[in-house]
Amino acid sequence: MSSKRQQTMAKMERERTVKERRARKLEKKRERKLAAAEGPVEGAEATADEASPETAVDETPLTATTD
């Protein structure tokens, strides 16, 4: 009969960290789902526009130049 090797503290710590990270991620997902179900929040559009890389770029039209 073979004996089982005891888990190292480092491995137990890594596993605990992964479980905590997954729990936080799941909680964030639930919060987003609840927020979406409640409807749009005031001021949320402005922050989304500011973070968008499309609006951060100068909106002048590009013109083709021929020399």
Protein backbone atom coordinates (compact mmCIF):
# COMPACT_ATOMS: atom_id res chain seq x y z
CA MET A 1 0.00 0.00 0.00
CA SER A 2 1.43 3.37 -0.99
CA SER A 3 1.32 6.32 1.32
CA LYS A 4 0.06 9.70 0.14
CA ARG A 5 2.46 12.61 0.03
CA GLN A 6 1.50 15.53 2.17
CA GLN A 7 0.69 18.76 0.30
CA THR A 8 3.17 21.53 0.75
CA MET A 9 2.14 24.81 2.31
CA ALA A 10 3.05 26.60 -0.93
CA LYS A 11 0.65 24.46 -2.94
CA MET A 12 -2.15 24.97 -0.42
CA GLU A 13 -1.52 28.75 -0.56
CA ARG A 14 -1.66 28.75 -4.38
CA GLU A 15 -4.92 26.82 -4.37
CA ARG A 16 -6.44 29.15 -1.77
CA THR A 17 -5.40 32.19 -3.83
CA VAL A 18 -7.03 30.75 -6.94
CA LYS A 19 -10.26 30.02 -5.06
CA GLU A 20 -10.35 33.56 -3.66
CA ARG A 21 -9.70 35.06 -7.09
CA ARG A 22 -12.50 32.99 -8.63
CA ALA A 23 -14.88 34.01 -5.85
CA ARG A 24 -14.09 37.71 -6.42
CA LYS A 25 -14.59 37.30 -10.16
CA LEU A 26 -17.94 35.59 -9.63
CA GLU A 27 -19.05 38.35 -7.25
CA LYS A 28 -18.14 41.04 -9.81
CA LYS A 29 -20.05 39.13 -12.48
CA ARG A 30 -23.14 38.97 -10.24
CA GLU A 31 -22.90 42.71 -9.49
CA ARG A 32 -22.67 43.54 -13.21
CA LYS A 33 -25.66 41.31 -13.92
CA LEU A 34 -27.72 43.02 -11.21
CA ALA A 35 -26.69 46.47 -12.43
CA ALA A 36 -27.68 45.59 -15.99
CA ALA A 37 -31.05 44.30 -14.80
CA GLU A 38 -31.73 47.55 -12.92
CA GLY A 39 -31.17 49.63 -16.04
CA PRO A 40 -28.73 52.35 -17.03
CA VAL A 41 -27.12 54.34 -14.25
CA GLU A 42 -26.85 58.14 -14.45
CA GLY A 43 -23.36 59.19 -15.55
CA ALA A 44 -22.39 55.71 -16.72
CA GLU A 45 -22.56 56.80 -20.38
CA ALA A 46 -20.10 59.64 -19.84
CA THR A 47 -17.52 57.38 -18.24
CA ALA A 48 -17.91 54.82 -21.02
CA ASP A 49 -17.36 57.53 -23.64
CA GLU A 50 -14.28 58.84 -21.88
CA ALA A 51 -12.73 55.39 -21.72
CA SER A 52 -13.47 54.67 -25.38
CA PRO A 53 -10.36 54.90 -27.56
CA GLU A 54 -12.49 56.01 -30.52
CA THR A 55 -13.49 59.30 -28.88
CA ALA A 56 -10.03 59.91 -27.50
CA VAL A 57 -8.68 60.25 -31.04
CA ASP A 58 -8.87 63.58 -32.86
CA GLU A 59 -12.08 63.44 -34.90
CA THR A 60 -10.89 65.53 -37.85
CA PRO A 61 -11.50 63.77 -41.15
CA LEU A 62 -8.49 62.34 -42.91
CA THR A 63 -7.90 63.71 -46.38
CA ALA A 64 -5.90 62.06 -49.09
CA THR A 65 -3.06 64.23 -50.34
CA THR A 66 -1.46 63.82 -53.69
CA ASP A 67 1.81 65.48 -54.44
